[in-house]
Amino acid sequence: MRARSVSVVLGVVAALAAPTELRAQQVRAPRVAVGPFTGERSAITRGMVASVFSDHVGEIELCPLGDYNSAADRLGVGGQADEAAVVTVASDLRLEAVVTGFLERRPNRGYRLMLKVMRGADGTTAVTQSWEFDRIEEITALGNEIWDRLSPSLRQAPPRAAVVPGTRAPAGAARDPDAAGAGREPAGGRRAPAAGADEVPSDVPGLGFLQLRLGGGIAGRSWRIPVLGERTTRGYENNMFGELQAAVALLYRFNNQRMGFGGEAAIGVPVGLSSQGRDAAGQPVPLASSGLELLLGLTFATRPAGGGMMRFSTGMILQTFSIDTARLPREMQLALTSYIGLRVAGEGMIPFYARRDLDVGLLFGGELRWVGVGADLKEAFGDNPGTTFGLGAWFGLATRLDRFAPGLGLRLTAEFVRYRTSYAGPAALGTASDVIDDYTRFMLGVTYDFGAEHPRRPDTATAGSSFLGPAAPRSRGAPVGDPYGPR
């Protein structure tokens, strides 16, 4: 009877103690290791990142670097950071998470550090983050930010308390979709945008120091001149002649080639331009015609790491359009058109799809021209005003084709410019009012950036899809060219 009572008491004590022990296992700090690093000065970088995590011992249980190295060498996966190697070492050391890293030197100056948190249970990536800085020593100063951006993924790692030593967690262990935890606003410092789970940041190339553009297409002009005292409106209409364009910009780049300031020049020349009128007898008369548009000025450009572009320009504009109407009756004669003055413009590209080697987006822009009216126009249609305004806009598509040739790009645009002027005063051909002078273009251009360098870091396929199609599925092993993979 006494033995039975003792058994009952022991059973009750064990039952009460079991939940307490289970709770203790569930709330224990996750066991984390800093795994292999690759790239520039990998050993030093790994040690500095490990010191960041050592400041938070208590919130995590940090496995010493030597223990991780010894276990990896003993298991035959030393220096490897693919999923299989991480799972092998994590199972042996009972790790919830392994942090791997890659340090690259930026093309212009400075460094980019990329850190990846991999789950110990199955080797999948919980989150990838990156930072940019000028000196490696700045890693220490970024310690709090590194912890803030990676710790949510460490805390959410599946517990291993219930795993029996010598066994491995099920390969199909559930993954927390919020483990990407990124959403947190960083404290400061320069870096690329945070990536989500299973996604490697994919920075597009920076600006080139020399930018060229060559293009051609179809242009047109519509010129309407209501002359006071006449019933008919004089004018000129030609909606189908060719035009060639060329542009060059030389930039001083800064902010890791993301911004640039410099000078630009552009020229547009009609080709195949022909005009005709009718003489007093009604017979067709060919009219010698020519035109020119010349831009000179300063420009500021920026290309964000996530794709797209913005450009602002200011400078001088010269536009002329000549039609020799001396053989036409006086009531049909026109004058040499010329505008010269100040131009301010802005252009942007919003990407639909942006990757390291391909960028496609919507191109848009606008301009304001404050120009003086040419002497021939004022003599023909009125001495006043001395200046007039021109408004322009364009839109289209632009793409960067680094996949085929680094620095290569295409742009397809529809462009429109309108001058509107009212003349007054003495006039040789008749005083004109509310003169509208329109220019349209449909252009295809090829662009090339000299010195627009790719970061040396290779990229993996990004999860998700775009309008160009779904991304390629991720392989379970280390992808070819993976900076975190074995060397």
Protein backbone atom coordinates (compact mmCIF):
# COMPACT_ATOMS: atom_id res chain seq x y z
CA MET A 1 0.00 0.00 0.00
CA ARG A 2 2.84 2.40 0.91
CA ALA A 3 4.68 1.60 -2.35
CA ARG A 4 1.54 2.39 -4.32
CA SER A 5 1.19 5.77 -2.58
CA VAL A 6 4.80 6.64 -3.34
CA SER A 7 4.23 5.81 -7.02
CA VAL A 8 1.17 8.03 -7.17
CA VAL A 9 3.05 10.96 -5.59
CA LEU A 10 5.98 10.57 -7.99
CA GLY A 11 3.61 10.45 -10.95
CA VAL A 12 1.88 13.66 -9.86
CA VAL A 13 5.24 15.42 -9.39
CA ALA A 14 6.40 14.27 -12.83
CA ALA A 15 3.17 15.47 -14.42
CA LEU A 16 3.53 18.88 -12.83
CA ALA A 17 7.19 19.15 -13.77
CA ALA A 18 6.73 18.16 -17.45
CA PRO A 19 4.95 21.36 -18.59
CA THR A 20 7.52 23.46 -16.75
CA GLU A 21 10.37 21.66 -18.51
CA LEU A 22 8.61 21.96 -21.88
CA ARG A 23 8.04 25.68 -21.35
CA ALA A 24 11.70 26.12 -20.46
CA GLN A 25 12.70 24.37 -23.65
CA GLN A 26 10.33 26.52 -25.73
CA VAL A 27 11.48 29.91 -24.40
CA ARG A 28 15.21 29.23 -24.41
CA ALA A 29 17.38 31.50 -26.51
CA PRO A 30 17.88 30.28 -30.10
CA ARG A 31 21.26 28.76 -30.79
CA VAL A 32 22.98 30.64 -33.63
CA ALA A 33 26.32 30.39 -35.42
CA VAL A 34 28.17 32.69 -37.81
CA GLY A 35 29.06 30.43 -40.71
CA PRO A 36 31.45 30.80 -43.67
CA PHE A 37 32.03 34.18 -45.35
CA THR A 38 33.27 34.77 -48.90
CA GLY A 39 34.57 37.75 -50.86
CA GLU A 40 36.98 40.48 -49.80
CA ARG A 41 38.80 39.96 -46.47
CA SER A 42 36.30 37.28 -45.49
CA ALA A 43 38.00 36.15 -42.26
CA ILE A 44 38.16 39.68 -40.83
CA THR A 45 34.59 40.43 -41.88
CA ARG A 46 33.30 37.22 -40.33
CA GLY A 47 35.00 38.02 -37.03
CA MET A 48 33.54 41.53 -36.94
CA VAL A 49 30.02 40.25 -37.64
CA ALA A 50 30.46 37.58 -34.95
CA SER A 51 31.40 40.31 -32.45
CA VAL A 52 28.12 42.08 -33.28
CA PHE A 53 26.16 38.98 -32.29
CA SER A 54 28.31 38.40 -29.20
CA ASP A 55 26.91 41.66 -27.78
CA HIS A 56 23.50 39.99 -27.64
CA VAL A 57 24.39 36.77 -25.87
CA GLY A 58 21.39 36.03 -23.67
CA GLU A 59 18.95 36.91 -26.41
CA ILE A 60 20.68 34.24 -28.49
CA GLU A 61 23.08 31.40 -27.67
CA LEU A 62 26.10 32.05 -29.90
CA CYS A 63 28.13 29.09 -31.07
CA PRO A 64 31.90 29.93 -31.12
CA LEU A 65 33.50 30.29 -34.53
CA GLY A 66 36.04 27.59 -33.70
CA ASP A 67 33.32 25.08 -32.84
CA TYR A 68 31.57 25.69 -36.15
CA ASN A 69 34.83 25.37 -38.11
CA SER A 70 35.80 22.16 -36.32
CA ALA A 71 32.41 20.56 -36.88
CA ALA A 72 32.36 21.58 -40.56
CA ASP A 73 35.85 20.16 -41.14
CA ARG A 74 34.99 16.94 -39.28
CA LEU A 75 31.83 16.49 -41.36
CA GLY A 76 33.63 17.24 -44.65
CA VAL A 77 31.85 20.52 -45.46
CA GLY A 78 34.47 23.01 -44.31
CA GLY A 79 34.11 26.44 -45.95
CA GLN A 80 30.83 25.51 -47.65
CA ALA A 81 27.66 27.57 -47.19
CA ASP A 82 25.07 25.81 -49.34
CA GLU A 83 21.87 24.46 -47.85
CA ALA A 84 23.12 20.89 -47.46
CA ALA A 85 26.31 21.98 -45.66
CA VAL A 86 24.40 24.27 -43.30
CA VAL A 87 21.90 21.55 -42.42
CA THR A 88 24.72 19.05 -41.78
CA VAL A 89 26.58 21.33 -39.37
CA ALA A 90 23.41 22.70 -37.76
CA SER A 91 22.18 19.18 -37.01
CA ASP A 92 25.48 18.25 -35.40
CA LEU A 93 25.67 21.43 -33.27
CA ARG A 94 21.89 21.74 -32.72
CA LEU A 95 21.68 25.20 -34.34
CA GLU A 96 18.46 27.04 -35.09
CA ALA A 97 20.08 29.48 -37.51
CA VAL A 98 23.36 30.07 -39.35
CA VAL A 99 24.45 33.51 -40.59
CA THR A 100 26.58 33.56 -43.76
CA GLY A 101 28.02 36.58 -45.52
CA PHE A 102 29.68 38.04 -48.58
CA LEU A 103 31.74 41.23 -48.85
CA GLU A 104 32.40 42.84 -52.24
CA ARG A 105 34.34 45.91 -53.26
CA ARG A 106 32.23 48.49 -55.05
CA PRO A 107 33.27 49.48 -58.62
CA ASN A 108 33.93 53.10 -57.67
CA ARG A 109 34.84 52.95 -53.99
CA GLY A 110 33.65 51.42 -50.75
CA TYR A 111 32.16 48.02 -49.99
CA ARG A 112 28.86 46.16 -49.88
CA LEU A 113 28.19 43.62 -47.13
CA MET A 114 25.49 41.01 -47.61
CA LEU A 115 24.30 38.79 -44.77
CA LYS A 116 21.98 35.82 -45.07
CA VAL A 117 20.14 34.04 -42.24
CA MET A 118 19.66 30.34 -43.05
CA ARG A 119 17.43 28.06 -40.99
CA GLY A 120 19.26 25.21 -39.35
CA ALA A 121 16.37 22.78 -39.75
CA ASP A 122 16.26 22.75 -43.55
CA GLY A 123 18.86 25.27 -44.79
CA THR A 124 16.30 27.60 -46.36
CA THR A 125 16.90 31.36 -46.36
CA ALA A 126 14.95 33.36 -43.80
CA VAL A 127 16.15 36.79 -44.90
CA THR A 128 18.91 38.52 -46.88
CA GLN A 129 20.06 42.06 -46.08
CA SER A 130 22.81 44.34 -47.41
CA TRP A 131 24.72 47.45 -46.37
CA GLU A 132 27.09 49.82 -48.16
CA PHE A 133 29.97 51.70 -46.54
CA ASP A 134 33.36 53.21 -47.37
CA ARG A 135 35.60 51.30 -44.91
CA ILE A 136 35.39 47.82 -43.45
CA GLU A 137 35.75 49.27 -39.94
CA GLU A 138 32.26 50.75 -40.31
CA ILE A 139 30.79 47.28 -39.79
CA THR A 140 31.24 47.83 -36.04
CA ALA A 141 29.33 51.12 -36.21
CA LEU A 142 26.50 49.32 -38.04
CA GLY A 143 26.25 46.69 -35.31
CA ASN A 144 22.91 47.84 -33.89
CA GLU A 145 21.37 48.06 -37.34
CA ILE A 146 22.65 44.61 -38.31
CA TRP A 147 21.10 43.18 -35.17
CA ASP A 148 17.79 45.04 -35.67
CA ARG A 149 17.39 43.78 -39.22
CA LEU A 150 18.44 40.16 -38.67
CA SER A 151 17.22 39.41 -35.12
CA PRO A 152 13.53 38.95 -36.05
CA SER A 153 14.53 36.01 -38.24
CA LEU A 154 16.72 34.57 -35.46
CA ARG A 155 13.95 34.80 -32.90
CA GLN A 156 11.41 33.19 -35.22
CA ALA A 157 13.62 30.20 -36.04
CA PRO A 158 11.87 26.88 -35.22
CA PRO A 159 13.04 25.55 -31.80
CA ARG A 160 15.22 22.43 -31.70
CA ALA A 161 14.67 21.63 -28.02
CA ALA A 162 12.60 18.59 -28.78
CA VAL A 163 15.02 17.16 -31.33
CA VAL A 164 16.88 14.13 -30.08
CA PRO A 165 20.67 14.45 -30.55
CA GLY A 166 21.86 12.58 -33.63
CA THR A 167 18.55 13.07 -35.51
CA ARG A 168 17.53 15.72 -38.00
CA ALA A 169 14.43 17.84 -38.19
CA PRO A 170 11.89 16.85 -40.87
CA ALA A 171 12.76 18.17 -44.29
CA GLY A 172 9.25 19.57 -44.65
CA ALA A 173 9.38 21.73 -41.58
CA ALA A 174 7.03 24.69 -41.85
CA ARG A 175 8.51 28.00 -42.74
CA ASP A 176 7.32 31.27 -41.23
CA PRO A 177 6.26 33.59 -44.04
CA ASP A 178 6.96 36.59 -41.81
CA ALA A 179 10.54 35.51 -41.14
CA ALA A 180 11.68 37.94 -43.78
CA GLY A 181 10.86 40.47 -40.95
CA ALA A 182 12.30 43.01 -42.84
CA GLY A 183 9.66 45.84 -42.71
CA ARG A 184 11.70 47.37 -39.91
CA GLU A 185 13.03 50.85 -40.68
CA PRO A 186 16.82 50.87 -40.36
CA ALA A 187 18.56 53.25 -37.99
CA GLY A 188 20.90 54.83 -40.57
CA GLY A 189 23.82 54.21 -42.84
CA ARG A 190 24.01 53.68 -46.62
CA ARG A 191 22.80 50.40 -48.03
CA ALA A 192 20.74 48.83 -50.73
CA PRO A 193 17.01 48.27 -50.11
CA ALA A 194 16.15 45.33 -47.87
CA ALA A 195 15.20 42.12 -49.65
CA GLY A 196 12.44 39.73 -48.69
CA ALA A 197 12.65 36.06 -47.91
CA ASP A 198 14.48 33.94 -50.48
CA GLU A 199 15.41 37.09 -52.39
CA VAL A 200 18.87 38.43 -53.09
CA PRO A 201 19.02 42.21 -53.65
CA SER A 202 19.55 42.93 -57.32
CA ASP A 203 21.19 46.30 -57.86
CA VAL A 204 21.16 47.70 -61.38
CA PRO A 205 24.41 49.22 -62.72
CA GLY A 206 25.28 52.81 -61.90
CA LEU A 207 25.65 55.72 -64.32
CA GLY A 208 28.28 55.76 -67.03
CA PHE A 209 30.73 58.66 -67.23
CA LEU A 210 30.04 59.07 -70.97
CA GLN A 211 26.50 58.62 -72.26
CA LEU A 212 25.69 58.48 -75.97
CA ARG A 213 22.40 58.37 -77.83
CA LEU A 214 21.78 57.90 -81.56
CA GLY A 215 18.31 57.74 -83.00
CA GLY A 216 16.05 58.33 -85.90
CA GLY A 217 12.41 58.36 -86.80
CA ILE A 218 9.55 60.29 -88.36
CA ALA A 219 8.95 63.98 -87.69
CA GLY A 220 6.37 66.56 -88.69
CA ARG A 221 5.57 70.26 -88.49
CA SER A 222 2.27 72.15 -88.46
CA TRP A 223 2.43 75.98 -88.71
CA ARG A 224 -0.75 78.10 -88.78
CA ILE A 225 -0.58 81.89 -89.22
CA PRO A 226 -3.83 83.89 -89.10
CA VAL A 227 -2.94 87.18 -90.82
CA LEU A 228 -5.20 90.13 -89.96
CA GLY A 229 -7.17 91.46 -92.90
CA GLU A 230 -7.08 88.18 -94.86
CA ARG A 231 -9.79 85.57 -95.09
CA THR A 232 -7.44 82.59 -95.50
CA THR A 233 -4.86 81.32 -93.02
CA ARG A 234 -1.32 80.97 -94.21
CA GLY A 235 0.52 77.94 -93.02
CA TYR A 236 2.71 74.95 -93.58
CA GLU A 237 1.86 71.29 -93.05
CA ASN A 238 4.31 68.42 -93.36
CA ASN A 239 3.76 65.34 -91.25
CA MET A 240 6.12 62.87 -92.86
CA PHE A 241 9.83 63.53 -93.08
CA GLY A 242 12.75 61.74 -91.51
CA GLU A 243 14.92 63.05 -88.70
CA LEU A 244 18.19 61.94 -87.12
CA GLN A 245 19.21 62.74 -83.56
CA ALA A 246 22.43 62.45 -81.57
CA ALA A 247 23.17 63.33 -77.95
CA VAL A 248 26.14 63.09 -75.62
CA ALA A 249 26.55 63.70 -71.88
CA LEU A 250 29.78 63.72 -69.87
CA LEU A 251 29.23 63.18 -66.14
CA TYR A 252 31.19 63.46 -62.94
CA ARG A 253 29.76 60.61 -60.86
CA PHE A 254 29.43 60.32 -57.09
CA ASN A 255 27.44 58.38 -54.48
CA ASN A 256 28.78 55.07 -55.80
CA GLN A 257 27.94 56.05 -59.40
CA ARG A 258 24.28 56.52 -58.50
CA MET A 259 24.38 60.27 -59.23
CA GLY A 260 26.18 62.37 -61.80
CA PHE A 261 26.56 66.01 -62.81
CA GLY A 262 28.01 67.36 -66.03
CA GLY A 263 27.42 68.78 -69.48
CA GLU A 264 25.30 67.62 -72.38
CA ALA A 265 24.75 68.41 -76.03
CA ALA A 266 22.15 67.20 -78.54
CA ILE A 267 21.37 67.82 -82.18
CA GLY A 268 18.47 66.94 -84.47
CA VAL A 269 18.57 67.25 -88.25
CA PRO A 270 15.75 66.51 -90.74
CA VAL A 271 16.57 64.10 -93.56
CA GLY A 272 14.51 63.62 -96.69
CA LEU A 273 12.73 66.92 -95.97
CA SER A 274 10.93 68.30 -99.02
CA SER A 275 8.17 70.87 -99.41
CA GLN A 276 6.12 72.25 -102.27
CA GLY A 277 3.67 75.07 -102.92
CA ARG A 278 1.67 76.44 -105.84
CA ASP A 279 2.55 79.49 -107.87
CA ALA A 280 0.13 82.09 -109.20
CA ALA A 281 -0.81 79.75 -112.07
CA GLY A 282 -1.56 76.92 -109.69
CA GLN A 283 1.41 74.83 -110.69
CA PRO A 284 3.35 72.86 -108.02
CA VAL A 285 6.59 74.53 -107.01
CA PRO A 286 9.32 72.69 -105.03
CA LEU A 287 10.47 74.68 -101.99
CA ALA A 288 13.97 74.30 -100.56
CA SER A 289 13.58 73.34 -96.90
CA SER A 290 15.89 72.65 -93.99
CA GLY A 291 15.85 72.54 -90.20
CA LEU A 292 18.02 72.23 -87.11
CA GLU A 293 17.61 71.78 -83.37
CA LEU A 294 20.63 72.22 -81.10
CA LEU A 295 20.82 71.86 -77.29
CA LEU A 296 23.74 72.79 -75.03
CA GLY A 297 23.62 72.79 -71.26
CA LEU A 298 24.13 71.20 -67.87
CA THR A 299 22.55 68.03 -66.60
CA PHE A 300 22.06 66.17 -63.34
CA ALA A 301 21.18 62.46 -63.43
CA THR A 302 20.46 59.77 -60.86
CA ARG A 303 19.88 56.02 -61.20
CA PRO A 304 18.56 54.30 -58.04
CA ALA A 305 19.84 50.85 -57.14
CA GLY A 306 16.34 49.44 -57.62
CA GLY A 307 16.07 50.60 -61.24
CA GLY A 308 14.66 53.58 -63.07
CA MET A 309 16.22 56.97 -63.75
CA MET A 310 15.72 60.72 -63.27
CA ARG A 311 17.41 63.51 -65.21
CA PHE A 312 17.20 67.31 -65.03
CA SER A 313 18.69 69.65 -67.64
CA THR A 314 19.04 73.36 -68.26
CA GLY A 315 20.79 75.26 -71.02
CA MET A 316 20.46 76.93 -74.41
CA ILE A 317 18.14 75.86 -77.22
CA LEU A 318 18.32 76.81 -80.90
CA GLN A 319 15.60 75.67 -83.30
CA THR A 320 15.25 76.74 -86.92
CA PHE A 321 13.02 75.71 -89.81
CA SER A 322 13.53 77.29 -93.24
CA ILE A 323 11.17 77.20 -96.23
CA ASP A 324 12.10 79.24 -99.30
CA THR A 325 8.77 80.70 -100.45
CA ALA A 326 10.19 83.55 -102.61
CA ARG A 327 8.66 81.95 -105.79
CA LEU A 328 5.15 81.94 -104.30
CA PRO A 329 2.65 84.80 -104.45
CA ARG A 330 3.10 87.38 -101.69
CA GLU A 331 -0.07 86.29 -99.86
CA MET A 332 1.40 82.77 -99.53
CA GLN A 333 4.93 83.66 -98.55
CA LEU A 334 6.42 82.58 -95.19
CA ALA A 335 9.55 83.54 -93.26
CA LEU A 336 12.56 81.73 -91.86
CA THR A 337 11.57 80.46 -88.41
CA SER A 338 14.11 80.62 -85.63
CA TYR A 339 13.94 80.47 -81.83
CA ILE A 340 16.88 80.80 -79.47
CA GLY A 341 16.83 80.98 -75.69
CA LEU A 342 16.67 79.05 -72.41
CA ARG A 343 15.40 75.50 -71.94
CA VAL A 344 14.60 73.67 -68.67
CA ALA A 345 13.64 69.98 -68.83
CA GLY A 346 13.11 66.91 -66.69
CA GLU A 347 12.91 63.23 -67.61
CA GLY A 348 12.18 60.08 -65.65
CA MET A 349 11.81 56.36 -66.12
CA ILE A 350 9.61 54.22 -63.89
CA PRO A 351 10.62 50.55 -64.20
CA PHE A 352 8.10 47.79 -64.78
CA TYR A 353 10.88 45.24 -64.40
CA ALA A 354 14.36 45.89 -62.97
CA ARG A 355 17.16 43.36 -62.61
CA ARG A 356 20.93 43.56 -62.80
CA ASP A 357 21.02 42.85 -66.52
CA LEU A 358 17.60 44.04 -67.75
CA ASP A 359 15.54 47.13 -67.00
CA VAL A 360 12.22 48.00 -68.73
CA GLY A 361 10.01 50.92 -67.86
CA LEU A 362 7.82 53.88 -68.75
CA LEU A 363 9.71 56.95 -69.97
CA PHE A 364 8.22 60.42 -69.57
CA GLY A 365 9.45 64.00 -69.67
CA GLY A 366 8.59 67.65 -70.10
CA GLU A 367 10.26 70.93 -70.97
CA LEU A 368 9.76 74.70 -70.94
CA ARG A 369 11.43 76.94 -73.53
CA TRP A 370 11.71 80.71 -73.10
CA VAL A 371 13.05 81.90 -76.42
CA GLY A 372 13.57 84.96 -78.52
CA VAL A 373 11.72 85.22 -81.82
CA GLY A 374 13.97 85.43 -84.88
CA ALA A 375 14.45 88.68 -86.78
CA ASP A 376 12.97 87.30 -90.02
CA LEU A 377 9.73 86.33 -88.28
CA LYS A 378 9.33 89.73 -86.63
CA GLU A 379 10.04 91.57 -89.88
CA ALA A 380 7.46 89.47 -91.74
CA PHE A 381 4.62 89.29 -89.17
CA GLY A 382 5.18 91.97 -86.52
CA ASP A 383 7.95 93.56 -84.49
CA ASN A 384 6.40 92.47 -81.19
CA PRO A 385 6.78 90.38 -79.09
CA GLY A 386 10.50 89.91 -78.54
CA THR A 387 10.12 86.53 -76.76
CA THR A 388 7.72 83.61 -76.64
CA PHE A 389 7.26 80.33 -74.77
CA GLY A 390 7.45 76.78 -75.99
CA LEU A 391 6.05 73.79 -74.11
CA GLY A 392 7.10 70.19 -74.80
CA ALA A 393 6.34 66.72 -73.54
CA TRP A 394 7.30 63.17 -74.44
CA PHE A 395 6.54 59.66 -73.30
CA GLY A 396 7.42 56.13 -74.31
CA LEU A 397 9.35 53.06 -73.25
CA ALA A 398 12.99 52.61 -72.29
CA THR A 399 15.04 49.50 -71.62
CA ARG A 400 18.55 48.65 -70.46
CA LEU A 401 20.01 45.59 -72.22
CA ASP A 402 23.12 44.77 -70.17
CA ARG A 403 22.25 41.11 -70.63
CA PHE A 404 23.43 41.45 -74.24
CA ALA A 405 26.06 44.22 -73.97
CA PRO A 406 26.94 46.13 -70.78
CA GLY A 407 25.78 49.74 -71.10
CA LEU A 408 23.44 49.13 -74.06
CA GLY A 409 19.89 50.47 -74.06
CA LEU A 410 16.91 51.35 -76.25
CA ARG A 411 14.22 54.02 -76.07
CA LEU A 412 11.05 54.54 -78.09
CA THR A 413 9.37 57.94 -77.68
CA ALA A 414 6.60 60.17 -78.98
CA GLU A 415 7.58 63.86 -78.65
CA PHE A 416 5.61 67.09 -79.03
CA VAL A 417 6.64 70.79 -78.83
CA ARG A 418 4.38 73.82 -79.33
CA TYR A 419 5.22 77.52 -79.66
CA ARG A 420 2.32 79.97 -79.46
CA THR A 421 2.96 83.61 -80.36
CA SER A 422 0.89 86.73 -81.06
CA TYR A 423 2.56 89.37 -83.23
CA ALA A 424 1.88 93.09 -83.28
CA GLY A 425 3.27 96.18 -84.96
CA PRO A 426 4.55 96.86 -88.48
CA ALA A 427 4.85 93.77 -90.72
CA ALA A 428 6.16 93.19 -94.24
CA LEU A 429 3.82 90.28 -95.06
CA GLY A 430 0.95 91.12 -92.73
CA THR A 431 0.43 91.33 -88.99
CA ALA A 432 -0.22 87.87 -87.53
CA SER A 433 -2.02 86.90 -84.33
CA ASP A 434 -2.18 83.68 -82.30
CA VAL A 435 0.43 81.86 -84.37
CA ILE A 436 0.75 78.16 -83.48
CA ASP A 437 3.93 76.31 -84.43
CA ASP A 438 3.86 72.55 -83.62
CA TYR A 439 6.60 69.93 -83.95
CA THR A 440 6.06 66.19 -83.50
CA ARG A 441 8.48 63.27 -83.52
CA PHE A 442 8.30 59.51 -83.20
CA MET A 443 11.82 58.34 -82.45
CA LEU A 444 13.69 55.10 -81.83
CA GLY A 445 17.05 55.60 -80.10
CA VAL A 446 19.99 53.44 -79.12
CA THR A 447 21.83 54.47 -75.95
CA TYR A 448 25.18 53.41 -74.57
CA ASP A 449 26.79 54.18 -71.20
CA PHE A 450 30.57 53.96 -71.07
CA GLY A 451 31.74 53.03 -67.58
CA ALA A 452 28.38 51.83 -66.24
CA GLU A 453 29.82 48.94 -64.25
CA HIS A 454 28.00 45.99 -62.74
CA PRO A 455 28.77 45.13 -59.13
CA ARG A 456 30.96 42.02 -59.18
CA ARG A 457 28.52 40.04 -57.06
CA PRO A 458 26.69 37.41 -59.09
CA ASP A 459 22.96 37.14 -58.62
CA THR A 460 20.51 34.33 -58.07
CA ALA A 461 17.03 34.26 -59.58
CA THR A 462 14.55 36.38 -57.65
CA ALA A 463 11.43 34.74 -56.33
CA GLY A 464 8.10 35.86 -57.79
CA SER A 465 7.18 36.89 -61.28
CA SER A 466 6.92 39.89 -63.53
CA PHE A 467 5.14 40.78 -66.72
CA LEU A 468 8.00 39.09 -68.58
CA GLY A 469 7.16 35.79 -66.97
CA PRO A 470 7.73 33.89 -63.74
CA ALA A 471 11.17 33.62 -62.21
CA ALA A 472 13.02 30.35 -62.49
CA PRO A 473 12.49 27.98 -59.54
CA ARG A 474 15.17 27.95 -56.88
CA SER A 475 17.26 24.82 -56.61
CA ARG A 476 17.84 23.12 -53.28
CA GLY A 477 21.61 23.23 -53.67
CA ALA A 478 23.95 26.14 -54.10
CA PRO A 479 23.15 27.89 -57.39
CA VAL A 480 25.83 28.39 -59.93
CA GLY A 481 27.64 31.62 -59.12
CA ASP A 482 26.03 31.93 -55.66
CA PRO A 483 28.35 34.20 -53.61
CA TYR A 484 27.43 32.21 -50.53
CA GLY A 485 28.22 28.88 -52.11
CA PRO A 486 31.42 26.84 -51.81
CA ARG A 487 34.61 28.19 -53.39
